Amino acid sequence: MSCQRLRNWIEERYDVEGMKRLARHKLVPVHQYEIWYYTGGIAMFLFILQFITGMVLSFYYIPYFEHANKSIIEIVTKLNMGWFFRSLHHWGAQLAITALFIHVFSTFLLKSYRKPRELLWISGFMLLGISIFFGLSGYFLLWDERAFAAVRVATGGAGNLPVIGGFIKAFLRGGLDVTGDTLTRFYAFHVSVLPLITLFLVGIHVLLVQYHGMSVPMSLEKKPLKQIPFFPNLFYKDLIIWLLVLGLTVTLATLLPPEIGKKADPLAPAPENIKPEWYFLFLFQTLKLFPGEILGMNGETIAIILISCGILFFFLIPFFDRRSSRGEKSVLFTWIGVFYTLYFIVMTIIGFLS
């Protein structure tokens, strides 16, 4: 009875039926590539999960270098279900970044960035970059040897960029070197700055998806395709997939809780055979391809410049691929997309195995 009264109270104040009609009005094309539609929804669901678990952990985490590592250990060992929430947050981050990479590469290969969806691609690419920064800032909060060394390398690499490198390095570190001030700064990024930017970009991305509708691959664009209502047909499929993803995340969190390394010592040398997180491995391996000096120039600086140019080209791909924008076949950019995808996968595997 109380549920009916609540429903009546809401319907008296809001046009619920109108909202339902609007939801049913949104149609989604059905074709053999529709499975890629769900990767964006998976990433958004995992972002929500990250926000929830992150808020729980922030109640007990101490963002001060003398207590940071110890506070994580106490969350895991003393707090009721603390180990689970920390593990859930870790695996949620891994799967969210994986889902975003799959979503971005599938969008690239299906040419879903073409006119008039350029801003969709740009906002999505920015969300991928922010999610990687989320990952970097998040595991630095452990203040263990591995995280400390990884952040020192990452910020040092950014410092090799010409002109602006020194400013970026000092801004990220909060000084000349990685110190306790860096931890405080990364904590501010992780719990305040990045979430606000993410909410803003997700809002824009979702609104643009609603405005433009789901993209159809170029090979099927001129064929008559069956259209189904988003609600309830696709919405229920999304819920089922989210439930499966939640089950996978909980299973990984339960069976494979992440370890906590030894507390970082800024004066100690980096541990041997240390590796960054998997989503940095392709950059790590790329840097290894370059010698220390090339024609009298620093090899790492040249590598950073080339990597930055490659990422910038990837970011601006909708404005370079004019043929796709005109609805014409663009074989060159298809092969470029295949190259980017294979390069990322192969270099990540080599980095993992080496």
Protein backbone atom coordinates (compact mmCIF):
# COMPACT_ATOMS: atom_id res chain seq x y z
CA MET A 1 0.00 0.00 0.00
CA SER A 2 2.83 2.40 0.90
CA CYS A 3 4.48 1.73 -2.51
CA GLN A 4 1.23 2.64 -4.30
CA ARG A 5 0.95 5.85 -2.26
CA LEU A 6 4.52 6.77 -3.13
CA ARG A 7 3.82 6.08 -6.80
CA ASN A 8 0.69 8.25 -6.70
CA TRP A 9 2.64 11.02 -4.95
CA ILE A 10 5.29 10.99 -7.69
CA GLU A 11 2.75 10.82 -10.55
CA GLU A 12 0.87 13.82 -9.15
CA ARG A 13 4.01 15.91 -9.44
CA TYR A 14 5.80 14.50 -12.46
CA ASP A 15 4.72 13.33 -15.90
CA VAL A 16 5.88 9.73 -15.49
CA GLU A 17 3.94 8.51 -18.52
CA GLY A 18 5.50 11.25 -20.62
CA MET A 19 8.95 10.11 -19.51
CA LYS A 20 8.07 6.53 -20.44
CA ARG A 21 6.86 7.62 -23.88
CA LEU A 22 10.07 9.58 -24.41
CA ALA A 23 12.16 6.52 -23.44
CA ARG A 24 10.19 4.27 -25.81
CA HIS A 25 10.59 6.82 -28.60
CA LYS A 26 14.38 6.32 -28.62
CA LEU A 27 15.10 3.61 -31.19
CA VAL A 28 18.30 1.59 -31.56
CA PRO A 29 19.38 -0.17 -34.80
CA VAL A 30 19.90 -3.93 -34.68
CA HIS A 31 22.89 -5.41 -36.53
CA GLN A 32 25.80 -7.83 -36.11
CA TYR A 33 28.06 -5.20 -34.53
CA GLU A 34 25.63 -4.09 -31.83
CA ILE A 35 27.66 -5.89 -29.12
CA TRP A 36 30.06 -2.90 -29.13
CA TYR A 37 27.21 -0.65 -27.99
CA TYR A 38 27.39 -2.25 -24.54
CA THR A 39 31.07 -1.46 -23.84
CA GLY A 40 30.30 2.19 -23.13
CA GLY A 41 27.53 1.22 -20.71
CA ILE A 42 29.87 -1.22 -18.96
CA ALA A 43 32.45 1.55 -18.46
CA MET A 44 29.79 3.90 -17.07
CA PHE A 45 28.52 1.22 -14.66
CA LEU A 46 32.06 0.56 -13.43
CA PHE A 47 32.61 4.31 -12.95
CA ILE A 48 29.55 4.36 -10.67
CA LEU A 49 30.94 1.37 -8.76
CA GLN A 50 34.28 3.20 -8.41
CA PHE A 51 32.58 6.29 -7.01
CA ILE A 52 30.76 4.22 -4.38
CA THR A 53 33.73 2.12 -3.26
CA GLY A 54 36.04 5.14 -3.41
CA MET A 55 33.78 7.14 -1.08
CA VAL A 56 33.78 4.25 1.41
CA LEU A 57 37.59 4.01 1.37
CA SER A 58 38.07 7.77 1.68
CA PHE A 59 36.46 7.70 5.16
CA TYR A 60 39.41 5.71 6.49
CA TYR A 61 42.36 6.60 4.26
CA ILE A 62 44.94 9.08 5.60
CA PRO A 63 46.53 11.13 2.78
CA TYR A 64 49.80 11.82 4.59
CA PHE A 65 53.00 10.07 3.59
CA GLU A 66 53.84 8.89 7.14
CA HIS A 67 50.45 7.19 7.58
CA ALA A 68 49.18 6.43 4.03
CA ASN A 69 50.59 2.93 3.67
CA LYS A 70 49.68 2.01 7.23
CA SER A 71 46.11 3.27 6.79
CA ILE A 72 45.64 0.96 3.76
CA ILE A 73 46.94 -1.99 5.79
CA GLU A 74 44.52 -1.14 8.61
CA ILE A 75 41.62 -0.85 6.16
CA VAL A 76 42.42 -4.33 4.84
CA THR A 77 43.19 -6.03 8.17
CA LYS A 78 41.11 -4.26 10.83
CA LEU A 79 38.07 -2.74 9.14
CA ASN A 80 35.04 -5.00 8.71
CA MET A 81 34.85 -5.88 4.97
CA GLY A 82 37.62 -3.35 4.34
CA TRP A 83 39.68 -5.85 2.33
CA PHE A 84 36.67 -6.48 0.09
CA PHE A 85 35.94 -2.82 -0.68
CA ARG A 86 39.59 -2.13 -1.34
CA SER A 87 39.84 -5.16 -3.64
CA LEU A 88 36.55 -4.23 -5.35
CA HIS A 89 37.87 -0.72 -5.98
CA HIS A 90 41.09 -2.12 -7.44
CA TRP A 91 39.44 -4.57 -9.82
CA GLY A 92 36.72 -2.08 -10.75
CA ALA A 93 39.46 0.28 -11.92
CA GLN A 94 41.18 -2.46 -13.95
CA LEU A 95 37.96 -3.50 -15.68
CA ALA A 96 36.79 0.10 -16.25
CA ILE A 97 40.01 0.99 -18.07
CA THR A 98 39.79 -2.27 -20.06
CA ALA A 99 36.19 -1.49 -21.07
CA LEU A 100 37.18 2.04 -22.12
CA PHE A 101 40.08 0.80 -24.26
CA ILE A 102 37.78 -1.71 -25.99
CA HIS A 103 35.13 0.98 -26.47
CA VAL A 104 37.61 3.46 -27.96
CA PHE A 105 39.27 0.95 -30.31
CA SER A 106 35.92 -0.47 -31.48
CA THR A 107 34.70 3.09 -32.13
CA PHE A 108 37.85 3.75 -34.14
CA LEU A 109 37.54 0.59 -36.26
CA LEU A 110 33.81 1.09 -36.90
CA LYS A 111 34.46 4.77 -37.86
CA SER A 112 31.87 5.90 -35.31
CA TYR A 113 33.84 9.14 -34.92
CA ARG A 114 32.80 10.42 -38.37
CA LYS A 115 30.70 13.50 -38.94
CA PRO A 116 28.62 14.62 -37.03
CA ARG A 117 29.99 12.67 -34.01
CA GLU A 118 33.40 14.34 -33.67
CA LEU A 119 32.63 15.71 -30.19
CA LEU A 120 31.52 12.26 -29.06
CA TRP A 121 34.95 10.91 -29.98
CA ILE A 122 36.77 13.81 -28.30
CA SER A 123 34.80 13.53 -25.04
CA GLY A 124 35.24 9.73 -25.01
CA PHE A 125 38.99 9.99 -25.65
CA MET A 126 39.31 12.53 -22.82
CA LEU A 127 37.46 10.13 -20.51
CA LEU A 128 39.99 7.41 -21.40
CA GLY A 129 42.86 9.74 -20.55
CA ILE A 130 41.25 10.72 -17.26
CA SER A 131 40.62 7.08 -16.34
CA ILE A 132 44.35 6.35 -16.86
CA PHE A 133 45.23 9.31 -14.63
CA PHE A 134 42.70 7.94 -12.12
CA GLY A 135 44.64 4.67 -12.17
CA LEU A 136 48.03 6.36 -11.78
CA SER A 137 46.92 8.63 -8.93
CA GLY A 138 44.95 5.83 -7.26
CA TYR A 139 47.70 3.30 -6.91
CA PHE A 140 50.18 6.01 -5.86
CA LEU A 141 47.97 6.48 -2.78
CA LEU A 142 49.30 3.11 -1.56
CA TRP A 143 52.65 4.86 -0.99
CA ASP A 144 54.53 1.64 -1.61
CA GLU A 145 57.79 1.06 -3.51
CA ARG A 146 56.15 0.09 -6.80
CA ALA A 147 53.78 3.04 -6.88
CA PHE A 148 56.51 5.49 -5.85
CA ALA A 149 58.87 4.32 -8.60
CA ALA A 150 56.10 4.32 -11.23
CA VAL A 151 55.02 7.90 -10.45
CA ARG A 152 58.64 9.07 -10.45
CA VAL A 153 59.12 7.52 -13.93
CA ALA A 154 55.77 8.79 -15.28
CA THR A 155 56.24 12.37 -14.10
CA GLY A 156 59.87 12.29 -15.17
CA GLY A 157 58.80 11.18 -18.65
CA ALA A 158 56.34 14.07 -18.87
CA GLY A 159 59.22 16.36 -17.91
CA ASN A 160 61.04 15.40 -21.12
CA LEU A 161 58.50 17.21 -23.27
CA PRO A 162 60.03 20.31 -24.86
CA VAL A 163 59.02 23.75 -23.48
CA ILE A 164 56.11 22.64 -21.25
CA GLY A 165 57.69 19.48 -19.81
CA GLY A 166 59.30 21.16 -16.83
CA PHE A 167 56.07 22.90 -15.84
CA ILE A 168 54.01 19.69 -16.12
CA LYS A 169 56.56 17.75 -14.08
CA ALA A 170 56.65 20.36 -11.29
CA PHE A 171 52.87 20.73 -11.32
CA LEU A 172 52.24 16.99 -10.97
CA ARG A 173 54.93 16.47 -8.33
CA GLY A 174 54.22 19.63 -6.38
CA GLY A 175 57.96 20.31 -6.39
CA LEU A 176 61.23 19.16 -7.88
CA ASP A 177 60.94 15.52 -6.77
CA VAL A 178 58.30 12.99 -5.72
CA THR A 179 57.64 13.66 -2.04
CA GLY A 180 54.86 13.72 0.50
CA ASP A 181 53.56 16.85 -1.25
CA THR A 182 53.08 14.73 -4.39
CA LEU A 183 50.93 12.31 -2.40
CA THR A 184 48.72 15.14 -1.13
CA ARG A 185 48.42 16.53 -4.66
CA PHE A 186 47.55 13.16 -6.19
CA TYR A 187 44.97 12.58 -3.46
CA ALA A 188 43.34 15.92 -4.36
CA PHE A 189 43.33 14.91 -8.03
CA HIS A 190 41.90 11.48 -7.25
CA VAL A 191 39.03 12.42 -4.93
CA SER A 192 38.16 15.92 -6.10
CA VAL A 193 39.45 17.22 -9.43
CA LEU A 194 39.17 14.07 -11.58
CA PRO A 195 35.68 13.05 -10.32
CA LEU A 196 34.30 16.52 -11.12
CA ILE A 197 35.81 16.50 -14.63
CA THR A 198 34.56 12.92 -15.15
CA LEU A 199 30.98 13.79 -14.16
CA PHE A 200 31.05 16.76 -16.54
CA LEU A 201 32.43 14.75 -19.48
CA VAL A 202 30.15 11.74 -18.88
CA GLY A 203 27.17 14.11 -18.85
CA ILE A 204 28.23 15.67 -22.16
CA HIS A 205 28.99 12.24 -23.68
CA VAL A 206 25.62 10.77 -22.70
CA LEU A 207 23.74 13.85 -23.96
CA LEU A 208 25.57 13.66 -27.29
CA VAL A 209 24.72 9.96 -27.61
CA GLN A 210 21.05 10.80 -27.00
CA TYR A 211 21.20 13.62 -29.52
CA HIS A 212 22.98 11.77 -32.35
CA GLY A 213 21.66 8.27 -31.60
CA MET A 214 23.64 5.07 -31.95
CA SER A 215 26.18 5.01 -34.75
CA VAL A 216 25.73 2.50 -37.59
CA PRO A 217 28.83 1.02 -39.34
CA MET A 218 29.43 2.51 -42.78
CA SER A 219 28.95 -0.87 -44.49
CA LEU A 220 25.39 -1.04 -43.12
CA GLU A 221 24.47 2.64 -43.27
CA LYS A 222 22.53 2.41 -46.54
CA LYS A 223 20.81 -0.89 -45.73
CA PRO A 224 17.37 -1.04 -44.09
CA LEU A 225 17.92 -2.04 -40.47
CA LYS A 226 15.44 -3.16 -37.86
CA GLN A 227 14.91 -0.61 -35.09
CA ILE A 228 13.98 -1.57 -31.52
CA PRO A 229 13.05 0.72 -28.60
CA PHE A 230 15.89 1.43 -26.19
CA PHE A 231 13.46 1.00 -23.30
CA PRO A 232 12.82 -1.69 -22.28
CA ASN A 233 14.60 -3.86 -24.90
CA LEU A 234 18.19 -2.57 -24.81
CA PHE A 235 17.88 -1.20 -21.27
CA TYR A 236 17.15 -4.67 -19.86
CA LYS A 237 20.07 -6.13 -21.82
CA ASP A 238 22.29 -3.44 -20.30
CA LEU A 239 21.09 -4.38 -16.81
CA ILE A 240 21.82 -8.08 -17.43
CA ILE A 241 25.34 -7.27 -18.70
CA TRP A 242 25.97 -4.96 -15.72
CA LEU A 243 24.91 -7.74 -13.38
CA LEU A 244 27.37 -10.12 -15.07
CA VAL A 245 30.14 -7.50 -14.86
CA LEU A 246 29.37 -6.98 -11.18
CA GLY A 247 29.60 -10.73 -10.65
CA LEU A 248 32.98 -10.83 -12.44
CA THR A 249 34.29 -7.89 -10.39
CA VAL A 250 33.15 -9.40 -7.10
CA THR A 251 34.67 -12.77 -8.05
CA LEU A 252 38.04 -11.21 -8.90
CA ALA A 253 37.95 -9.07 -5.76
CA THR A 254 37.26 -12.13 -3.60
CA LEU A 255 39.69 -14.57 -5.19
CA LEU A 256 42.53 -12.21 -6.19
CA PRO A 257 42.82 -9.38 -3.65
CA PRO A 258 45.68 -7.01 -4.60
CA GLU A 259 48.82 -7.03 -2.52
CA ILE A 260 50.21 -4.08 -0.58
CA GLY A 261 53.89 -3.45 -1.16
CA LYS A 262 56.55 -2.29 1.25
CA LYS A 263 56.24 1.31 2.38
CA ALA A 264 58.03 3.68 0.01
CA ASP A 265 61.36 5.20 1.00
CA PRO A 266 62.12 8.30 -1.11
CA LEU A 267 65.85 7.89 -0.46
CA ALA A 268 66.03 4.21 -1.47
CA PRO A 269 66.75 3.09 -5.06
CA ALA A 270 63.90 1.68 -7.12
CA PRO A 271 63.37 -2.11 -6.75
CA GLU A 272 64.70 -4.27 -9.57
CA ASN A 273 62.43 -5.56 -12.37
CA ILE A 274 59.68 -3.14 -11.38
CA LYS A 275 56.86 -2.63 -13.91
CA PRO A 276 54.04 -0.11 -14.22
CA GLU A 277 50.36 -1.00 -14.43
CA TRP A 278 49.35 -2.93 -17.57
CA TYR A 279 47.85 0.11 -19.32
CA PHE A 280 51.28 1.81 -19.23
CA LEU A 281 53.22 -1.19 -20.49
CA PHE A 282 52.96 -0.25 -24.18
CA LEU A 283 54.55 3.13 -23.38
CA PHE A 284 57.15 1.45 -21.17
CA GLN A 285 58.13 -0.94 -23.98
CA THR A 286 58.17 1.82 -26.57
CA LEU A 287 60.68 3.79 -24.51
CA LYS A 288 62.88 0.68 -24.39
CA LEU A 289 63.13 0.68 -28.21
CA PHE A 290 65.04 3.96 -28.21
CA PRO A 291 68.76 4.21 -27.38
CA GLY A 292 70.02 6.70 -24.82
CA GLU A 293 71.22 9.10 -27.53
CA ILE A 294 70.14 9.70 -31.15
CA LEU A 295 72.19 12.13 -33.29
CA GLY A 296 73.36 13.94 -30.18
CA MET A 297 69.84 14.25 -28.77
CA ASN A 298 68.37 12.54 -25.72
CA GLY A 299 66.68 9.32 -26.90
CA GLU A 300 63.98 9.42 -24.25
CA THR A 301 63.02 12.97 -25.23
CA ILE A 302 62.65 11.90 -28.88
CA ALA A 303 60.56 8.89 -27.79
CA ILE A 304 58.26 11.06 -25.65
CA ILE A 305 57.77 13.51 -28.54
CA LEU A 306 56.93 10.72 -31.00
CA ILE A 307 54.53 9.05 -28.53
CA SER A 308 52.85 12.42 -27.88
CA CYS A 309 52.44 13.00 -31.64
CA GLY A 310 50.94 9.52 -32.05
CA ILE A 311 48.44 10.15 -29.24
CA LEU A 312 47.58 13.61 -30.63
CA PHE A 313 46.97 12.12 -34.09
CA PHE A 314 44.70 9.47 -32.51
CA PHE A 315 42.83 12.22 -30.65
CA LEU A 316 42.27 14.29 -33.81
CA ILE A 317 41.46 11.37 -36.11
CA PRO A 318 37.89 12.59 -36.98
CA PHE A 319 39.39 15.72 -38.56
CA PHE A 320 41.97 13.80 -40.61
CA ASP A 321 39.63 11.11 -41.94
CA ARG A 322 37.75 13.24 -44.47
CA ARG A 323 36.56 10.29 -46.59
CA SER A 324 34.63 8.73 -43.71
CA SER A 325 33.03 12.10 -42.99
CA ARG A 326 31.73 12.12 -46.57
CA GLY A 327 30.36 8.59 -46.18
CA GLU A 328 33.04 7.07 -48.41
CA LYS A 329 35.20 4.03 -47.72
CA SER A 330 38.43 4.88 -45.92
CA VAL A 331 40.72 1.85 -46.15
CA LEU A 332 43.81 3.79 -45.05
CA PHE A 333 42.28 4.78 -41.73
CA THR A 334 40.95 1.28 -41.22
CA TRP A 335 44.53 -0.01 -41.41
CA ILE A 336 45.68 2.81 -39.14
CA GLY A 337 43.08 1.68 -36.61
CA VAL A 338 44.24 -1.93 -36.92
CA PHE A 339 47.86 -0.82 -36.44
CA TYR A 340 47.06 1.18 -33.29
CA THR A 341 45.05 -1.71 -31.85
CA LEU A 342 47.67 -4.39 -32.60
CA TYR A 343 50.53 -2.18 -31.44
CA PHE A 344 48.85 -1.60 -28.09
CA ILE A 345 48.03 -5.31 -27.60
CA VAL A 346 51.43 -6.67 -28.76
CA MET A 347 53.53 -4.18 -26.78
CA THR A 348 51.41 -4.75 -23.68
CA ILE A 349 51.90 -8.53 -23.95
CA ILE A 350 55.67 -8.11 -24.51
CA GLY A 351 55.88 -5.78 -21.53
CA PHE A 352 53.97 -8.24 -19.38
CA LEU A 353 56.12 -11.22 -20.36
CA SER A 354 59.53 -9.56 -20.47
